[in-house]
PDB file of all heavy atoms in Angstrom:
ATOM      1  N   ALA A   1       0.852  -1.187   0.000  1.00  0.00           N
ATOM      2  CA  ALA A   1       0.000   0.000   0.000  1.00  0.00           C
ATOM      3  C   ALA A   1       0.884   1.231   0.000  1.00  0.00           C
ATOM      4  O   ALA A   1       1.991   1.214   0.533  1.00  0.00           O
ATOM      5  CB  ALA A   1      -0.891   0.002   1.227  1.00  0.00           C
ATOM      6  N   PRO A   2       0.404   2.296  -0.610  1.00  0.00           N
ATOM      7  CA  PRO A   2       1.191   3.525  -0.555  1.00  0.00           C
ATOM      8  C   PRO A   2       1.284   4.017   0.887  1.00  0.00           C
ATOM      9  O   PRO A   2       0.374   3.794   1.691  1.00  0.00           O
ATOM     10  CB  PRO A   2       0.396   4.514  -1.419  1.00  0.00           C
ATOM     11  CG  PRO A   2      -0.975   3.948  -1.477  1.00  0.00           C
ATOM     12  CD  PRO A   2      -0.848   2.471  -1.309  1.00  0.00           C
ATOM     13  N   PRO A   3       2.387   4.657   1.231  1.00  0.00           N
ATOM     14  CA  PRO A   3       2.517   5.147   2.612  1.00  0.00           C
ATOM     15  C   PRO A   3       1.445   6.183   2.925  1.00  0.00           C
ATOM     16  O   PRO A   3       1.080   7.001   2.076  1.00  0.00           O
ATOM     17  CB  PRO A   3       3.913   5.763   2.652  1.00  0.00           C
ATOM     18  CG  PRO A   3       4.287   5.989   1.232  1.00  0.00           C
ATOM     19  CD  PRO A   3       3.521   4.997   0.406  1.00  0.00           C
ATOM     20  N   SER A   4       0.915   6.109   4.120  1.00  0.00           N
ATOM     21  CA  SER A   4      -0.120   7.064   4.513  1.00  0.00           C
ATOM     22  C   SER A   4       0.519   8.374   4.946  1.00  0.00           C
ATOM     23  O   SER A   4       1.718   8.447   5.189  1.00  0.00           O
ATOM     24  CB  SER A   4      -0.962   6.498   5.658  1.00  0.00           C
ATOM     25  OG  SER A   4      -0.138   6.262   6.771  1.00  0.00           O
ATOM     26  N   GLU A   5      -0.317   9.404   5.049  1.00  0.00           N
ATOM     27  CA  GLU A   5       0.178  10.706   5.490  1.00  0.00           C
ATOM     28  C   GLU A   5       0.661  10.621   6.932  1.00  0.00           C
ATOM     29  O   GLU A   5       0.094   9.868   7.724  1.00  0.00           O
ATOM     30  CB  GLU A   5      -0.936  11.749   5.419  1.00  0.00           C
ATOM     31  CG  GLU A   5      -1.312  12.154   4.035  1.00  0.00           C
ATOM     32  CD  GLU A   5      -2.297  13.312   4.042  1.00  0.00           C
ATOM     33  OE1 GLU A   5      -2.481  13.965   5.084  1.00  0.00           O
ATOM     34  OE2 GLU A   5      -2.889  13.569   2.990  1.00  0.00           O
ATOM     35  N   PRO A   6       1.669  11.396   7.265  1.00  0.00           N
ATOM     36  CA  PRO A   6       2.072  11.424   8.673  1.00  0.00           C
ATOM     37  C   PRO A   6       0.930  11.902   9.563  1.00  0.00           C
ATOM     38  O   PRO A   6       0.102  12.716   9.144  1.00  0.00           O
ATOM     39  CB  PRO A   6       3.211  12.436   8.697  1.00  0.00           C
ATOM     40  CG  PRO A   6       3.684  12.535   7.283  1.00  0.00           C
ATOM     41  CD  PRO A   6       2.502  12.217   6.426  1.00  0.00           C
ATOM     42  N   ARG A   7       0.869  11.405  10.765  1.00  0.00           N
ATOM     43  CA  ARG A   7      -0.218  11.700  11.687  1.00  0.00           C
ATOM     44  C   ARG A   7      -0.324  13.196  11.991  1.00  0.00           C
ATOM     45  O   ARG A   7      -1.406  13.724  12.147  1.00  0.00           O
ATOM     46  CB  ARG A   7      -0.020  10.907  12.974  1.00  0.00           C
ATOM     47  CG  ARG A   7      -1.137  11.046  13.940  1.00  0.00           C
ATOM     48  CD  ARG A   7      -0.965  10.034  15.063  1.00  0.00           C
ATOM     49  NE  ARG A   7      -1.936  10.224  16.091  1.00  0.00           N
ATOM     50  CZ  ARG A   7      -3.157   9.738  16.088  1.00  0.00           C
ATOM     51  NH1 ARG A   7      -3.561   9.023  15.065  1.00  0.00           N
ATOM     52  NH2 ARG A   7      -3.982   9.951  17.076  1.00  0.00           N
ATOM     53  N   GLU A   8       0.783  13.902  12.043  1.00  0.00           N
ATOM     54  CA  GLU A   8       0.765  15.326  12.383  1.00  0.00           C
ATOM     55  C   GLU A   8      -0.031  16.130  11.368  1.00  0.00           C
ATOM     56  O   GLU A   8      -0.762  17.031  11.719  1.00  0.00           O
ATOM     57  CB  GLU A   8       2.192  15.896  12.470  1.00  0.00           C
ATOM     58  CG  GLU A   8       3.025  15.325  13.589  1.00  0.00           C
ATOM     59  CD  GLU A   8       3.637  13.974  13.249  1.00  0.00           C
ATOM     60  OE1 GLU A   8       3.772  13.654  12.039  1.00  0.00           O
ATOM     61  OE2 GLU A   8       3.964  13.219  14.177  1.00  0.00           O
ATOM     62  N   ARG A   9       0.074  15.822  10.122  1.00  0.00           N
ATOM     63  CA  ARG A   9      -0.648  16.558   9.091  1.00  0.00           C
ATOM     64  C   ARG A   9      -2.151  16.371   9.220  1.00  0.00           C
ATOM     65  O   ARG A   9      -2.907  17.292   9.030  1.00  0.00           O
ATOM     66  CB  ARG A   9      -0.202  16.123   7.700  1.00  0.00           C
ATOM     67  CG  ARG A   9       1.172  16.603   7.346  1.00  0.00           C
ATOM     68  CD  ARG A   9       1.496  16.266   5.940  1.00  0.00           C
ATOM     69  NE  ARG A   9       2.855  16.651   5.622  1.00  0.00           N
ATOM     70  CZ  ARG A   9       3.435  16.402   4.482  1.00  0.00           C
ATOM     71  NH1 ARG A   9       2.794  15.741   3.529  1.00  0.00           N
ATOM     72  NH2 ARG A   9       4.660  16.774   4.260  1.00  0.00           N
ATOM     73  N   VAL A  10      -2.560  15.175   9.535  1.00  0.00           N
ATOM     74  CA  VAL A  10      -3.985  14.890   9.686  1.00  0.00           C
ATOM     75  C   VAL A  10      -4.549  15.683  10.849  1.00  0.00           C
ATOM     76  O   VAL A  10      -5.612  16.292  10.756  1.00  0.00           O
ATOM     77  CB  VAL A  10      -4.220  13.375   9.888  1.00  0.00           C
ATOM     78  CG1 VAL A  10      -5.677  13.103  10.196  1.00  0.00           C
ATOM     79  CG2 VAL A  10      -3.770  12.611   8.652  1.00  0.00           C
ATOM     80  N   ILE A  11      -3.838  15.731  11.957  1.00  0.00           N
ATOM     81  CA  ILE A  11      -4.297  16.467  13.141  1.00  0.00           C
ATOM     82  C   ILE A  11      -4.383  17.959  12.843  1.00  0.00           C
ATOM     83  O   ILE A  11      -5.361  18.609  13.206  1.00  0.00           O
ATOM     84  CB  ILE A  11      -3.370  16.182  14.340  1.00  0.00           C
ATOM     85  CG1 ILE A  11      -3.528  14.725  14.781  1.00  0.00           C
ATOM     86  CG2 ILE A  11      -3.673  17.127  15.495  1.00  0.00           C
ATOM     87  CD1 ILE A  11      -2.527  14.278  15.800  1.00  0.00           C
ATOM     88  N   VAL A  12      -3.408  18.501  12.164  1.00  0.00           N
ATOM     89  CA  VAL A  12      -3.413  19.932  11.839  1.00  0.00           C
ATOM     90  C   VAL A  12      -4.596  20.263  10.941  1.00  0.00           C
ATOM     91  O   VAL A  12      -5.271  21.271  11.144  1.00  0.00           O
ATOM     92  CB  VAL A  12      -2.081  20.344  11.174  1.00  0.00           C
ATOM     93  CG1 VAL A  12      -2.168  21.741  10.592  1.00  0.00           C
ATOM     94  CG2 VAL A  12      -0.945  20.260  12.166  1.00  0.00           C
ATOM     95  N   LYS A  13      -4.898  19.435   9.972  1.00  0.00           N
ATOM     96  CA  LYS A  13      -6.038  19.677   9.085  1.00  0.00           C
ATOM     97  C   LYS A  13      -7.340  19.668   9.872  1.00  0.00           C
ATOM     98  O   LYS A  13      -8.215  20.485   9.634  1.00  0.00           O
ATOM     99  CB  LYS A  13      -6.086  18.628   7.974  1.00  0.00           C
ATOM    100  CG  LYS A  13      -5.025  18.803   6.916  1.00  0.00           C
ATOM    101  CD  LYS A  13      -5.137  17.730   5.864  1.00  0.00           C
ATOM    102  CE  LYS A  13      -4.029  17.829   4.840  1.00  0.00           C
ATOM    103  NZ  LYS A  13      -4.106  16.749   3.851  1.00  0.00           N
ATOM    104  N   GLN A  14      -7.475  18.746  10.825  1.00  0.00           N
ATOM    105  CA  GLN A  14      -8.693  18.673  11.616  1.00  0.00           C
ATOM    106  C   GLN A  14      -8.828  19.905  12.502  1.00  0.00           C
ATOM    107  O   GLN A  14      -9.914  20.458  12.641  1.00  0.00           O
ATOM    108  CB  GLN A  14      -8.704  17.412  12.470  1.00  0.00           C
ATOM    109  CG  GLN A  14      -8.898  16.153  11.662  1.00  0.00           C
ATOM    110  CD  GLN A  14      -8.748  14.894  12.488  1.00  0.00           C
ATOM    111  OE1 GLN A  14      -8.300  14.943  13.621  1.00  0.00           O
ATOM    112  NE2 GLN A  14      -9.109  13.782  11.903  1.00  0.00           N
ATOM    113  N   VAL A  15      -7.744  20.367  13.096  1.00  0.00           N
ATOM    114  CA  VAL A  15      -7.787  21.556  13.940  1.00  0.00           C
ATOM    115  C   VAL A  15      -8.119  22.781  13.114  1.00  0.00           C
ATOM    116  O   VAL A  15      -8.913  23.625  13.518  1.00  0.00           O
ATOM    117  CB  VAL A  15      -6.443  21.741  14.688  1.00  0.00           C
ATOM    118  CG1 VAL A  15      -6.381  23.083  15.379  1.00  0.00           C
ATOM    119  CG2 VAL A  15      -6.252  20.614  15.697  1.00  0.00           C
ATOM    120  N   ALA A  16      -7.550  22.891  11.937  1.00  0.00           N
ATOM    121  CA  ALA A  16      -7.821  24.039  11.079  1.00  0.00           C
ATOM    122  C   ALA A  16      -9.291  24.064  10.671  1.00  0.00           C
ATOM    123  O   ALA A  16      -9.923  25.118  10.684  1.00  0.00           O
ATOM    124  CB  ALA A  16      -6.933  23.997   9.838  1.00  0.00           C
ATOM    125  N   LYS A  17      -9.852  22.926  10.344  1.00  0.00           N
ATOM    126  CA  LYS A  17     -11.270  22.883   9.978  1.00  0.00           C
ATOM    127  C   LYS A  17     -12.144  23.264  11.164  1.00  0.00           C
ATOM    128  O   LYS A  17     -13.114  23.982  11.026  1.00  0.00           O
ATOM    129  CB  LYS A  17     -11.644  21.490   9.480  1.00  0.00           C
ATOM    130  CG  LYS A  17     -11.109  21.174   8.121  1.00  0.00           C
ATOM    131  CD  LYS A  17     -11.523  19.781   7.692  1.00  0.00           C
ATOM    132  CE  LYS A  17     -10.926  19.434   6.352  1.00  0.00           C
ATOM    133  NZ  LYS A  17     -11.274  18.062   5.960  1.00  0.00           N
ATOM    134  N   SER A  18     -11.793  22.801  12.336  1.00  0.00           N
ATOM    135  CA  SER A  18     -12.558  23.143  13.533  1.00  0.00           C
ATOM    136  C   SER A  18     -12.440  24.629  13.841  1.00  0.00           C
ATOM    137  O   SER A  18     -13.405  25.261  14.251  1.00  0.00           O
ATOM    138  CB  SER A  18     -12.067  22.340  14.729  1.00  0.00           C
ATOM    139  OG  SER A  18     -12.240  20.968  14.508  1.00  0.00           O
ATOM    140  N   GLY A  19     -11.280  25.195  13.651  1.00  0.00           N
ATOM    141  CA  GLY A  19     -11.069  26.612  13.912  1.00  0.00           C
ATOM    142  C   GLY A  19     -11.898  27.492  13.011  1.00  0.00           C
ATOM    143  O   GLY A  19     -12.464  28.488  13.436  1.00  0.00           O
ATOM    144  N   VAL A  20     -11.996  27.141  11.762  1.00  0.00           N
ATOM    145  CA  VAL A  20     -12.799  27.923  10.830  1.00  0.00           C
ATOM    146  C   VAL A  20     -14.267  27.850  11.222  1.00  0.00           C
ATOM    147  O   VAL A  20     -14.972  28.845  11.246  1.00  0.00           O
ATOM    148  CB  VAL A  20     -12.582  27.428   9.376  1.00  0.00           C
ATOM    149  CG1 VAL A  20     -13.587  28.070   8.442  1.00  0.00           C
ATOM    150  CG2 VAL A  20     -11.183  27.747   8.934  1.00  0.00           C
ATOM    151  N   GLY A  21     -14.753  26.696  11.558  1.00  0.00           N
ATOM    152  CA  GLY A  21     -16.148  26.538  11.961  1.00  0.00           C
ATOM    153  C   GLY A  21     -16.456  27.279  13.244  1.00  0.00           C
ATOM    154  O   GLY A  21     -17.495  27.924  13.374  1.00  0.00           O
ATOM    155  N   MET A  22     -15.548  27.213  14.192  1.00  0.00           N
ATOM    156  CA  MET A  22     -15.739  27.879  15.475  1.00  0.00           C
ATOM    157  C   MET A  22     -15.721  29.399  15.287  1.00  0.00           C
ATOM    158  O   MET A  22     -16.527  30.104  15.893  1.00  0.00           O
ATOM    159  CB  MET A  22     -14.637  27.446  16.444  1.00  0.00           C
ATOM    160  CG  MET A  22     -14.717  28.078  17.780  1.00  0.00           C
ATOM    161  SD  MET A  22     -16.182  27.524  18.646  1.00  0.00           S
ATOM    162  CE  MET A  22     -15.904  28.247  20.219  1.00  0.00           C
ATOM    163  N   GLY A  23     -14.840  29.904  14.455  1.00  0.00           N
ATOM    164  CA  GLY A  23     -14.779  31.341  14.199  1.00  0.00           C
ATOM    165  C   GLY A  23     -16.043  31.856  13.546  1.00  0.00           C
ATOM    166  O   GLY A  23     -16.564  32.912  13.906  1.00  0.00           O
ATOM    167  N   SER A  24     -16.561  31.105  12.599  1.00  0.00           N
ATOM    168  CA  SER A  24     -17.798  31.510  11.932  1.00  0.00           C
ATOM    169  C   SER A  24     -18.979  31.477  12.888  1.00  0.00           C
ATOM    170  O   SER A  24     -19.804  32.397  12.904  1.00  0.00           O
ATOM    171  CB  SER A  24     -18.082  30.588  10.744  1.00  0.00           C
ATOM    172  OG  SER A  24     -17.101  30.761   9.762  1.00  0.00           O
ATOM    173  N   ALA A  25     -19.057  30.421  13.689  1.00  0.00           N
ATOM    174  CA  ALA A  25     -20.159  30.313  14.651  1.00  0.00           C
ATOM    175  C   ALA A  25     -20.111  31.438  15.680  1.00  0.00           C
ATOM    176  O   ALA A  25     -21.140  32.036  16.016  1.00  0.00           O
ATOM    177  CB  ALA A  25     -20.111  28.958  15.348  1.00  0.00           C
ATOM    178  N   LEU A  26     -18.934  31.748  16.156  1.00  0.00           N
ATOM    179  CA  LEU A  26     -18.775  32.832  17.132  1.00  0.00           C
ATOM    180  C   LEU A  26     -19.124  34.180  16.508  1.00  0.00           C
ATOM    181  O   LEU A  26     -19.812  35.006  17.127  1.00  0.00           O
ATOM    182  CB  LEU A  26     -17.354  32.839  17.670  1.00  0.00           C
ATOM    183  CG  LEU A  26     -17.051  33.767  18.827  1.00  0.00           C
ATOM    184  CD1 LEU A  26     -17.966  33.473  20.013  1.00  0.00           C
ATOM    185  CD2 LEU A  26     -15.602  33.617  19.247  1.00  0.00           C
ATOM    186  N   ALA A  27     -18.687  34.400  15.275  1.00  0.00           N
ATOM    187  CA  ALA A  27     -18.997  35.654  14.583  1.00  0.00           C
ATOM    188  C   ALA A  27     -20.502  35.803  14.374  1.00  0.00           C
ATOM    189  O   ALA A  27     -21.061  36.891  14.565  1.00  0.00           O
ATOM    190  CB  ALA A  27     -18.268  35.699  13.236  1.00  0.00           C
ATOM    191  N   ILE A  28     -21.174  34.722  14.018  1.00  0.00           N
ATOM    192  CA  ILE A  28     -22.623  34.769  13.818  1.00  0.00           C
ATOM    193  C   ILE A  28     -23.333  35.076  15.127  1.00  0.00           C
ATOM    194  O   ILE A  28     -24.253  35.901  15.175  1.00  0.00           O
ATOM    195  CB  ILE A  28     -23.124  33.450  13.199  1.00  0.00           C
ATOM    196  CG1 ILE A  28     -22.638  33.349  11.754  1.00  0.00           C
ATOM    197  CG2 ILE A  28     -24.635  33.342  13.274  1.00  0.00           C
ATOM    198  CD1 ILE A  28     -22.838  31.990  11.121  1.00  0.00           C
ATOM    199  N   ALA A  29     -22.894  34.438  16.205  1.00  0.00           N
ATOM    200  CA  ALA A  29     -23.526  34.670  17.512  1.00  0.00           C
ATOM    201  C   ALA A  29     -23.337  36.115  17.973  1.00  0.00           C
ATOM    202  O   ALA A  29     -24.281  36.759  18.448  1.00  0.00           O
ATOM    203  CB  ALA A  29     -22.956  33.710  18.543  1.00  0.00           C
ATOM    204  N   ILE A  30     -22.141  36.643  17.820  1.00  0.00           N
ATOM    205  CA  ILE A  30     -21.866  38.034  18.215  1.00  0.00           C
ATOM    206  C   ILE A  30     -22.687  38.983  17.349  1.00  0.00           C
ATOM    207  O   ILE A  30     -23.310  39.925  17.858  1.00  0.00           O
ATOM    208  CB  ILE A  30     -20.361  38.355  18.098  1.00  0.00           C
ATOM    209  CG1 ILE A  30     -19.569  37.584  19.152  1.00  0.00           C
ATOM    210  CG2 ILE A  30     -20.113  39.854  18.237  1.00  0.00           C
ATOM    211  CD1 ILE A  30     -18.064  37.666  18.965  1.00  0.00           C
ATOM    212  N   SER A  31     -22.667  38.739  16.036  1.00  0.00           N
ATOM    213  CA  SER A  31     -23.393  39.604  15.121  1.00  0.00           C
ATOM    214  C   SER A  31     -24.887  39.613  15.432  1.00  0.00           C
ATOM    215  O   SER A  31     -25.515  40.669  15.427  1.00  0.00           O
ATOM    216  CB  SER A  31     -23.163  39.155  13.685  1.00  0.00           C
ATOM    217  OG  SER A  31     -23.874  39.972  12.794  1.00  0.00           O
ATOM    218  N   TRP A  32     -25.450  38.454  15.716  1.00  0.00           N
ATOM    219  CA  TRP A  32     -26.881  38.374  16.025  1.00  0.00           C
ATOM    220  C   TRP A  32     -27.196  39.129  17.312  1.00  0.00           C
ATOM    221  O   TRP A  32     -28.177  39.849  17.398  1.00  0.00           O
ATOM    222  CB  TRP A  32     -27.349  36.935  16.126  1.00  0.00           C
ATOM    223  CG  TRP A  32     -28.792  36.852  16.463  1.00  0.00           C
ATOM    224  CD1 TRP A  32     -29.331  36.562  17.670  1.00  0.00           C
ATOM    225  CD2 TRP A  32     -29.895  37.134  15.597  1.00  0.00           C
ATOM    226  NE1 TRP A  32     -30.700  36.618  17.611  1.00  0.00           N
ATOM    227  CE2 TRP A  32     -31.074  36.972  16.343  1.00  0.00           C
ATOM    228  CE3 TRP A  32     -29.997  37.493  14.264  1.00  0.00           C
ATOM    229  CZ2 TRP A  32     -32.336  37.158  15.792  1.00  0.00           C
ATOM    230  CZ3 TRP A  32     -31.252  37.677  13.728  1.00  0.00           C
ATOM    231  CH2 TRP A  32     -32.398  37.515  14.482  1.00  0.00           C
ATOM    232  N   SER A  33     -26.337  38.982  18.327  1.00  0.00           N
ATOM    233  CA  SER A  33     -26.603  39.657  19.600  1.00  0.00           C
ATOM    234  C   SER A  33     -26.478  41.174  19.478  1.00  0.00           C
ATOM    235  O   SER A  33     -27.171  41.906  20.177  1.00  0.00           O
ATOM    236  CB  SER A  33     -25.664  39.146  20.689  1.00  0.00           C
ATOM    237  OG  SER A  33     -24.338  39.544  20.439  1.00  0.00           O
ATOM    238  N   VAL A  34     -25.646  41.653  18.577  1.00  0.00           N
ATOM    239  CA  VAL A  34     -25.451  43.092  18.401  1.00  0.00           C
ATOM    240  C   VAL A  34     -26.475  43.678  17.440  1.00  0.00           C
ATOM    241  O   VAL A  34     -27.096  44.702  17.732  1.00  0.00           O
ATOM    242  CB  VAL A  34     -24.016  43.387  17.891  1.00  0.00           C
ATOM    243  CG1 VAL A  34     -23.858  44.850  17.515  1.00  0.00           C
ATOM    244  CG2 VAL A  34     -22.999  43.002  18.941  1.00  0.00           C
ATOM    245  N   ASN A  35     -26.698  43.031  16.295  1.00  0.00           N
ATOM    246  CA  ASN A  35     -27.499  43.627  15.220  1.00  0.00           C
ATOM    247  C   ASN A  35     -28.912  43.073  15.081  1.00  0.00           C
ATOM    248  O   ASN A  35     -29.758  43.718  14.477  1.00  0.00           O
ATOM    249  CB  ASN A  35     -26.776  43.426  13.872  1.00  0.00           C
ATOM    250  CG  ASN A  35     -25.420  44.072  13.868  1.00  0.00           C
ATOM    251  OD1 ASN A  35     -25.250  45.199  14.299  1.00  0.00           O
ATOM    252  ND2 ASN A  35     -24.432  43.343  13.380  1.00  0.00           N
ATOM    253  N   LYS A  36     -29.168  41.864  15.538  1.00  0.00           N
ATOM    254  CA  LYS A  36     -30.467  41.199  15.369  1.00  0.00           C
ATOM    255  C   LYS A  36     -30.881  41.146  13.895  1.00  0.00           C
ATOM    256  O   LYS A  36     -32.020  41.370  13.547  1.00  0.00           O
ATOM    257  CB  LYS A  36     -31.568  41.894  16.181  1.00  0.00           C
ATOM    258  CG  LYS A  36     -31.297  41.963  17.663  1.00  0.00           C
ATOM    259  CD  LYS A  36     -31.448  40.611  18.316  1.00  0.00           C
ATOM    260  CE  LYS A  36     -31.478  40.727  19.818  1.00  0.00           C
ATOM    261  NZ  LYS A  36     -30.245  40.404  20.480  1.00  0.00           N
TER     262      LYS A  36
END
């Protein structure tokens, strides 16, 4: 089988995806509370 990706890269990709989602959710919550 072809060698798999190193574990560190997979973890970084998952954290980056979570960070983007969390930032958007937080921005939406703040925006709604301020502007309705």
